[in-house]
Amino acid sequence: MPAPTPTAAGAEQRRDTSRVEAFSDGVYAVAITLLVLNLVVPAHPPGGLMRALGDLWPAYVAYLGSFLFVGVSWVNHHAAFKRIRAVDTGFLWVNLGLLVTIVPTPFPTAVLASALRDGNPADAKTAAALYGLVLALHALGWTAFLQYASRHPRLLRRGGDANFMRMDSLRAPFGLILYGGAGALGYFVSPVIALAIFAALPVFYGATSEGWRGARAVDREPE
């Protein structure tokens, strides 16, 4: 059987990349869809539906915040894959490590919404700490993902993509520290402080999804 030509081998690598992206998109879609399960019709007496819906405001806030968090992570994942031309076994594992930290997001979201709705200060602090822990683990997953990519330039497209990954990997530990710190502040000081940080960080990561210096052109190899 003749050996595959370089062009055929490159096409096969690109197909493998497409499969990884498709699988990852599916995982993100499941995570973001599960968030809506926290929005349920509240129990209410006859004529009390409007008030009962209003009392669910923590669930609405938690849903919107987590939707933004998962959505921004997906945008960053897409931005990273614009610079990846092939994958190997190690990369598959670090990508799975990243995805396994995004799937649990609906759980701490539901816990936080329930604690805020019930109004118990101790439970609210615990819920904020749990939420911060899960988000910090996701930042840890991003750290491994980006560092692996930067250390394996043969998997990347031509140009400054390895440097992009190196620079981008600095954002992930930033999130690890701040999400973890926000969870600690929420537990030991006030959940309100934690919520403010939780709301601000996805905005930062969304604004810098193409890197610290804004959008950058991607050097693509000839098809």
C-alpha atoms as a PDB file:
ATOM      1  CA  MET A   1       0.000   0.000   0.000  1.00  0.00           C
ATOM      2  CA  PRO A   2       1.584   3.341  -1.009  1.00  0.00           C
ATOM      3  CA  ALA A   3       2.505   5.764   1.729  1.00  0.00           C
ATOM      4  CA  PRO A   4       0.202   8.789   2.000  1.00  0.00           C
ATOM      5  CA  THR A   5       1.461  11.929   0.327  1.00  0.00           C
ATOM      6  CA  PRO A   6       2.276  14.966   2.518  1.00  0.00           C
ATOM      7  CA  THR A   7      -0.850  16.657   1.197  1.00  0.00           C
ATOM      8  CA  ALA A   8      -3.024  13.668   2.128  1.00  0.00           C
ATOM      9  CA  ALA A   9      -1.405  13.437   5.550  1.00  0.00           C
ATOM     10  CA  GLY A  10      -2.087  17.128   6.132  1.00  0.00           C
ATOM     11  CA  ALA A  11      -5.718  16.689   5.117  1.00  0.00           C
ATOM     12  CA  GLU A  12      -6.052  13.780   7.527  1.00  0.00           C
ATOM     13  CA  GLN A  13      -4.659  15.910  10.338  1.00  0.00           C
ATOM     14  CA  ARG A  14      -7.146  18.645   9.551  1.00  0.00           C
ATOM     15  CA  ARG A  15      -9.986  16.130   9.656  1.00  0.00           C
ATOM     16  CA  ASP A  16      -8.814  15.011  13.071  1.00  0.00           C
ATOM     17  CA  THR A  17      -8.848  18.625  14.210  1.00  0.00           C
ATOM     18  CA  SER A  18     -12.388  19.051  12.914  1.00  0.00           C
ATOM     19  CA  ARG A  19     -13.539  16.018  14.883  1.00  0.00           C
ATOM     20  CA  VAL A  20     -12.030  17.430  18.078  1.00  0.00           C
ATOM     21  CA  GLU A  21     -13.739  20.763  17.461  1.00  0.00           C
ATOM     22  CA  ALA A  22     -17.079  19.100  16.737  1.00  0.00           C
ATOM     23  CA  PHE A  23     -16.865  16.979  19.886  1.00  0.00           C
ATOM     24  CA  SER A  24     -15.867  19.998  21.967  1.00  0.00           C
ATOM     25  CA  ASP A  25     -18.721  22.072  20.537  1.00  0.00           C
ATOM     26  CA  GLY A  26     -21.113  19.304  21.535  1.00  0.00           C
ATOM     27  CA  VAL A  27     -19.830  19.290  25.108  1.00  0.00           C
ATOM     28  CA  TYR A  28     -20.137  23.068  25.350  1.00  0.00           C
ATOM     29  CA  ALA A  29     -23.671  22.848  23.932  1.00  0.00           C
ATOM     30  CA  VAL A  30     -24.686  20.287  26.549  1.00  0.00           C
ATOM     31  CA  ALA A  31     -23.224  22.357  29.391  1.00  0.00           C
ATOM     32  CA  ILE A  32     -24.923  25.538  28.271  1.00  0.00           C
ATOM     33  CA  THR A  33     -28.252  23.755  27.688  1.00  0.00           C
ATOM     34  CA  LEU A  34     -28.246  22.168  31.147  1.00  0.00           C
ATOM     35  CA  LEU A  35     -28.112  25.631  32.692  1.00  0.00           C
ATOM     36  CA  VAL A  36     -31.710  26.302  31.718  1.00  0.00           C
ATOM     37  CA  LEU A  37     -32.901  23.338  33.788  1.00  0.00           C
ATOM     38  CA  ASN A  38     -32.437  25.556  36.844  1.00  0.00           C
ATOM     39  CA  LEU A  39     -35.303  27.718  35.584  1.00  0.00           C
ATOM     40  CA  VAL A  40     -38.463  25.924  36.704  1.00  0.00           C
ATOM     41  CA  VAL A  41     -42.035  27.034  37.245  1.00  0.00           C
ATOM     42  CA  PRO A  42     -42.179  28.053  40.936  1.00  0.00           C
ATOM     43  CA  ALA A  43     -44.754  26.753  43.345  1.00  0.00           C
ATOM     44  CA  HIS A  44     -47.299  29.466  44.066  1.00  0.00           C
ATOM     45  CA  PRO A  45     -50.810  29.984  45.411  1.00  0.00           C
ATOM     46  CA  PRO A  46     -53.549  31.052  43.013  1.00  0.00           C
ATOM     47  CA  GLY A  47     -52.881  34.605  41.885  1.00  0.00           C
ATOM     48  CA  GLY A  48     -49.315  34.543  43.254  1.00  0.00           C
ATOM     49  CA  LEU A  49     -47.436  33.626  40.082  1.00  0.00           C
ATOM     50  CA  MET A  50     -46.017  37.099  39.457  1.00  0.00           C
ATOM     51  CA  ARG A  51     -44.504  37.335  42.933  1.00  0.00           C
ATOM     52  CA  ALA A  52     -43.194  33.782  42.734  1.00  0.00           C
ATOM     53  CA  LEU A  53     -41.501  34.539  39.413  1.00  0.00           C
ATOM     54  CA  GLY A  54     -39.959  37.663  40.915  1.00  0.00           C
ATOM     55  CA  ASP A  55     -38.597  35.649  43.826  1.00  0.00           C
ATOM     56  CA  LEU A  56     -36.651  33.550  41.314  1.00  0.00           C
ATOM     57  CA  TRP A  57     -34.339  36.477  40.469  1.00  0.00           C
ATOM     58  CA  PRO A  58     -31.248  34.660  41.846  1.00  0.00           C
ATOM     59  CA  ALA A  59     -31.852  31.848  39.339  1.00  0.00           C
ATOM     60  CA  TYR A  60     -32.065  34.355  36.487  1.00  0.00           C
ATOM     61  CA  VAL A  61     -28.841  36.088  37.553  1.00  0.00           C
ATOM     62  CA  ALA A  62     -26.995  32.793  38.030  1.00  0.00           C
ATOM     63  CA  TYR A  63     -28.210  31.532  34.655  1.00  0.00           C
ATOM     64  CA  LEU A  64     -27.100  34.657  32.790  1.00  0.00           C
ATOM     65  CA  GLY A  65     -23.732  34.726  34.563  1.00  0.00           C
ATOM     66  CA  SER A  66     -22.997  31.070  33.876  1.00  0.00           C
ATOM     67  CA  PHE A  67     -24.262  31.307  30.296  1.00  0.00           C
ATOM     68  CA  LEU A  68     -21.801  34.129  29.735  1.00  0.00           C
ATOM     69  CA  PHE A  69     -19.010  32.143  31.403  1.00  0.00           C
ATOM     70  CA  VAL A  70     -19.576  29.021  29.286  1.00  0.00           C
ATOM     71  CA  GLY A  71     -20.165  31.071  26.133  1.00  0.00           C
ATOM     72  CA  VAL A  72     -16.954  33.061  26.559  1.00  0.00           C
ATOM     73  CA  SER A  73     -15.018  29.855  27.176  1.00  0.00           C
ATOM     74  CA  TRP A  74     -16.416  28.481  23.910  1.00  0.00           C
ATOM     75  CA  VAL A  75     -15.402  31.660  22.064  1.00  0.00           C
ATOM     76  CA  ASN A  76     -11.864  31.334  23.447  1.00  0.00           C
ATOM     77  CA  HIS A  77     -11.797  27.643  22.489  1.00  0.00           C
ATOM     78  CA  HIS A  78     -12.762  28.586  18.943  1.00  0.00           C
ATOM     79  CA  ALA A  79     -10.090  31.307  18.847  1.00  0.00           C
ATOM     80  CA  ALA A  80      -7.451  28.814  19.973  1.00  0.00           C
ATOM     81  CA  PHE A  81      -8.425  26.254  17.338  1.00  0.00           C
ATOM     82  CA  LYS A  82      -8.001  28.830  14.574  1.00  0.00           C
ATOM     83  CA  ARG A  83      -4.298  28.425  15.327  1.00  0.00           C
ATOM     84  CA  ILE A  84      -4.174  24.641  15.637  1.00  0.00           C
ATOM     85  CA  ARG A  85      -3.528  22.604  12.490  1.00  0.00           C
ATOM     86  CA  ALA A  86      -3.214  19.096  13.937  1.00  0.00           C
ATOM     87  CA  VAL A  87      -3.674  17.174  17.165  1.00  0.00           C
ATOM     88  CA  ASP A  88      -1.834  14.342  18.859  1.00  0.00           C
ATOM     89  CA  THR A  89      -2.798  12.016  21.719  1.00  0.00           C
ATOM     90  CA  GLY A  90      -1.456  14.369  24.369  1.00  0.00           C
ATOM     91  CA  PHE A  91      -3.483  17.224  22.968  1.00  0.00           C
ATOM     92  CA  LEU A  92      -6.621  15.103  22.978  1.00  0.00           C
ATOM     93  CA  TRP A  93      -6.113  14.483  26.688  1.00  0.00           C
ATOM     94  CA  VAL A  94      -5.535  18.131  27.604  1.00  0.00           C
ATOM     95  CA  ASN A  95      -8.615  19.073  25.583  1.00  0.00           C
ATOM     96  CA  LEU A  96     -10.640  16.486  27.507  1.00  0.00           C
ATOM     97  CA  GLY A  97      -9.184  17.886  30.716  1.00  0.00           C
ATOM     98  CA  LEU A  98     -10.488  21.295  29.721  1.00  0.00           C
ATOM     99  CA  LEU A  99     -13.931  19.981  28.787  1.00  0.00           C
ATOM    100  CA  VAL A 100     -14.356  17.989  31.996  1.00  0.00           C
ATOM    101  CA  THR A 101     -14.152  21.259  33.925  1.00  0.00           C
ATOM    102  CA  ILE A 102     -16.876  23.007  31.902  1.00  0.00           C
ATOM    103  CA  VAL A 103     -19.537  20.286  32.155  1.00  0.00           C
ATOM    104  CA  PRO A 104     -20.144  20.642  35.951  1.00  0.00           C
ATOM    105  CA  THR A 105     -20.922  24.374  35.641  1.00  0.00           C
ATOM    106  CA  PRO A 106     -24.722  23.886  35.953  1.00  0.00           C
ATOM    107  CA  PHE A 107     -24.294  22.270  39.386  1.00  0.00           C
ATOM    108  CA  PRO A 108     -22.640  25.170  41.255  1.00  0.00           C
ATOM    109  CA  THR A 109     -24.943  27.505  39.336  1.00  0.00           C
ATOM    110  CA  ALA A 110     -27.992  25.742  40.778  1.00  0.00           C
ATOM    111  CA  VAL A 111     -26.459  25.646  44.259  1.00  0.00           C
ATOM    112  CA  LEU A 112     -25.657  29.370  44.170  1.00  0.00           C
ATOM    113  CA  ALA A 113     -29.116  30.311  42.898  1.00  0.00           C
ATOM    114  CA  SER A 114     -30.791  28.192  45.581  1.00  0.00           C
ATOM    115  CA  ALA A 115     -28.645  29.635  48.376  1.00  0.00           C
ATOM    116  CA  LEU A 116     -29.276  33.222  47.292  1.00  0.00           C
ATOM    117  CA  ARG A 117     -33.006  32.566  46.971  1.00  0.00           C
ATOM    118  CA  ASP A 118     -33.221  31.014  50.462  1.00  0.00           C
ATOM    119  CA  GLY A 119     -31.320  33.930  51.972  1.00  0.00           C
ATOM    120  CA  ASN A 120     -29.209  31.966  54.455  1.00  0.00           C
ATOM    121  CA  PRO A 121     -25.839  33.789  54.785  1.00  0.00           C
ATOM    122  CA  ALA A 122     -23.842  30.669  55.652  1.00  0.00           C
ATOM    123  CA  ASP A 123     -25.233  28.747  52.693  1.00  0.00           C
ATOM    124  CA  ALA A 124     -24.622  31.689  50.363  1.00  0.00           C
ATOM    125  CA  LYS A 125     -20.961  31.792  51.420  1.00  0.00           C
ATOM    126  CA  THR A 126     -20.569  28.064  50.852  1.00  0.00           C
ATOM    127  CA  ALA A 127     -22.253  28.304  47.443  1.00  0.00           C
ATOM    128  CA  ALA A 128     -19.970  31.186  46.411  1.00  0.00           C
ATOM    129  CA  ALA A 129     -16.917  29.163  47.431  1.00  0.00           C
ATOM    130  CA  LEU A 130     -18.122  26.144  45.439  1.00  0.00           C
ATOM    131  CA  TYR A 131     -18.798  28.279  42.376  1.00  0.00           C
ATOM    132  CA  GLY A 132     -15.346  29.857  42.593  1.00  0.00           C
ATOM    133  CA  LEU A 133     -13.718  26.441  42.946  1.00  0.00           C
ATOM    134  CA  VAL A 134     -15.369  25.050  39.808  1.00  0.00           C
ATOM    135  CA  LEU A 135     -14.472  28.142  37.768  1.00  0.00           C
ATOM    136  CA  ALA A 136     -10.899  28.047  39.065  1.00  0.00           C
ATOM    137  CA  LEU A 137     -10.613  24.411  37.962  1.00  0.00           C
ATOM    138  CA  HIS A 138     -11.714  25.480  34.491  1.00  0.00           C
ATOM    139  CA  ALA A 139      -8.956  28.106  34.453  1.00  0.00           C
ATOM    140  CA  LEU A 140      -6.541  25.331  35.422  1.00  0.00           C
ATOM    141  CA  GLY A 141      -7.775  23.299  32.467  1.00  0.00           C
ATOM    142  CA  TRP A 142      -7.137  26.259  30.179  1.00  0.00           C
ATOM    143  CA  THR A 143      -3.615  26.608  31.585  1.00  0.00           C
ATOM    144  CA  ALA A 144      -2.763  23.013  30.665  1.00  0.00           C
ATOM    145  CA  PHE A 145      -4.413  23.361  27.233  1.00  0.00           C
ATOM    146  CA  LEU A 146      -2.542  26.518  26.231  1.00  0.00           C
ATOM    147  CA  GLN A 147       0.814  25.484  27.640  1.00  0.00           C
ATOM    148  CA  TYR A 148       0.669  22.170  25.815  1.00  0.00           C
ATOM    149  CA  ALA A 149      -0.131  23.962  22.563  1.00  0.00           C
ATOM    150  CA  SER A 150       2.698  26.468  23.015  1.00  0.00           C
ATOM    151  CA  ARG A 151       5.204  23.672  23.708  1.00  0.00           C
ATOM    152  CA  HIS A 152       4.242  21.713  20.586  1.00  0.00           C
ATOM    153  CA  PRO A 153       4.572  24.214  17.707  1.00  0.00           C
ATOM    154  CA  ARG A 154       4.404  21.378  15.143  1.00  0.00           C
ATOM    155  CA  LEU A 155       0.683  21.204  15.955  1.00  0.00           C
ATOM    156  CA  LEU A 156       0.172  24.882  15.157  1.00  0.00           C
ATOM    157  CA  ARG A 157      -0.197  26.854  11.973  1.00  0.00           C
ATOM    158  CA  ARG A 158       2.638  28.967  10.674  1.00  0.00           C
ATOM    159  CA  GLY A 159       3.443  32.445  11.926  1.00  0.00           C
ATOM    160  CA  GLY A 160       3.362  33.621  15.510  1.00  0.00           C
ATOM    161  CA  ASP A 161       0.880  31.037  16.755  1.00  0.00           C
ATOM    162  CA  ALA A 162       3.262  29.456  19.282  1.00  0.00           C
ATOM    163  CA  ASN A 163       3.965  32.904  20.684  1.00  0.00           C
ATOM    164  CA  PHE A 164       0.225  33.628  20.741  1.00  0.00           C
ATOM    165  CA  MET A 165      -0.366  30.472  22.782  1.00  0.00           C
ATOM    166  CA  ARG A 166       2.466  31.370  25.145  1.00  0.00           C
ATOM    167  CA  MET A 167       1.109  34.854  25.706  1.00  0.00           C
ATOM    168  CA  ASP A 168      -2.463  33.611  25.950  1.00  0.00           C
ATOM    169  CA  SER A 169      -1.465  31.045  28.569  1.00  0.00           C
ATOM    170  CA  LEU A 170      -0.731  33.965  30.914  1.00  0.00           C
ATOM    171  CA  ARG A 171      -4.448  34.767  31.046  1.00  0.00           C
ATOM    172  CA  ALA A 172      -5.397  31.342  32.391  1.00  0.00           C
ATOM    173  CA  PRO A 173      -3.426  31.473  35.683  1.00  0.00           C
ATOM    174  CA  PHE A 174      -4.841  34.979  36.097  1.00  0.00           C
ATOM    175  CA  GLY A 175      -8.317  33.435  36.108  1.00  0.00           C
ATOM    176  CA  LEU A 176      -7.192  30.607  38.390  1.00  0.00           C
ATOM    177  CA  ILE A 177      -6.035  33.108  41.000  1.00  0.00           C
ATOM    178  CA  LEU A 178      -9.007  35.456  40.695  1.00  0.00           C
ATOM    179  CA  TYR A 179     -11.744  32.820  40.545  1.00  0.00           C
ATOM    180  CA  GLY A 180     -10.188  30.953  43.448  1.00  0.00           C
ATOM    181  CA  GLY A 181      -9.678  34.207  45.334  1.00  0.00           C
ATOM    182  CA  ALA A 182     -13.254  35.274  44.652  1.00  0.00           C
ATOM    183  CA  GLY A 183     -14.519  31.992  46.062  1.00  0.00           C
ATOM    184  CA  ALA A 184     -12.394  32.518  49.185  1.00  0.00           C
ATOM    185  CA  LEU A 185     -13.615  36.099  49.567  1.00  0.00           C
ATOM    186  CA  GLY A 186     -17.185  34.916  49.109  1.00  0.00           C
ATOM    187  CA  TYR A 187     -16.761  32.365  51.878  1.00  0.00           C
ATOM    188  CA  PHE A 188     -14.780  34.401  54.407  1.00  0.00           C
ATOM    189  CA  VAL A 189     -15.994  37.937  53.669  1.00  0.00           C
ATOM    190  CA  SER A 190     -19.087  38.407  51.477  1.00  0.00           C
ATOM    191  CA  PRO A 191     -20.739  36.549  48.590  1.00  0.00           C
ATOM    192  CA  VAL A 192     -21.515  39.933  47.007  1.00  0.00           C
ATOM    193  CA  ILE A 193     -17.797  40.554  46.424  1.00  0.00           C
ATOM    194  CA  ALA A 194     -17.461  37.121  44.850  1.00  0.00           C
ATOM    195  CA  LEU A 195     -20.435  37.726  42.565  1.00  0.00           C
ATOM    196  CA  ALA A 196     -18.920  40.997  41.333  1.00  0.00           C
ATOM    197  CA  ILE A 197     -15.685  39.230  40.385  1.00  0.00           C
ATOM    198  CA  PHE A 198     -17.564  36.308  38.817  1.00  0.00           C
ATOM    199  CA  ALA A 199     -19.459  38.798  36.642  1.00  0.00           C
ATOM    200  CA  ALA A 200     -16.391  40.830  35.639  1.00  0.00           C
ATOM    201  CA  LEU A 201     -14.005  38.057  34.612  1.00  0.00           C
ATOM    202  CA  PRO A 202     -16.046  36.644  31.681  1.00  0.00           C
ATOM    203  CA  VAL A 203     -16.203  40.184  30.281  1.00  0.00           C
ATOM    204  CA  PHE A 204     -12.408  40.397  30.434  1.00  0.00           C
ATOM    205  CA  TYR A 205     -11.935  36.976  28.823  1.00  0.00           C
ATOM    206  CA  GLY A 206     -14.472  37.804  26.143  1.00  0.00           C
ATOM    207  CA  ALA A 207     -12.762  41.081  25.302  1.00  0.00           C
ATOM    208  CA  THR A 208      -9.356  39.379  25.045  1.00  0.00           C
ATOM    209  CA  SER A 209     -10.418  36.206  23.230  1.00  0.00           C
ATOM    210  CA  GLU A 210      -8.064  37.096  20.359  1.00  0.00           C
ATOM    211  CA  GLY A 211      -5.177  37.831  22.689  1.00  0.00           C
ATOM    212  CA  TRP A 212      -3.901  40.686  24.783  1.00  0.00           C
ATOM    213  CA  ARG A 213      -3.388  42.961  21.804  1.00  0.00           C
ATOM    214  CA  GLY A 214      -6.731  42.399  20.114  1.00  0.00           C
ATOM    215  CA  ALA A 215      -7.513  40.477  16.975  1.00  0.00           C
ATOM    216  CA  ARG A 216      -4.513  38.961  15.185  1.00  0.00           C
ATOM    217  CA  ALA A 217      -4.267  37.576  11.716  1.00  0.00           C
ATOM    218  CA  VAL A 218      -3.851  33.834  11.502  1.00  0.00           C
ATOM    219  CA  ASP A 219      -1.227  32.617   9.050  1.00  0.00           C
ATOM    220  CA  ARG A 220      -2.745  29.627   7.317  1.00  0.00           C
ATOM    221  CA  GLU A 221      -0.853  27.057   5.363  1.00  0.00           C
ATOM    222  CA  PRO A 222      -1.939  26.402   1.785  1.00  0.00           C
ATOM    223  CA  GLU A 223      -4.737  23.898   1.498  1.00  0.00           C
END
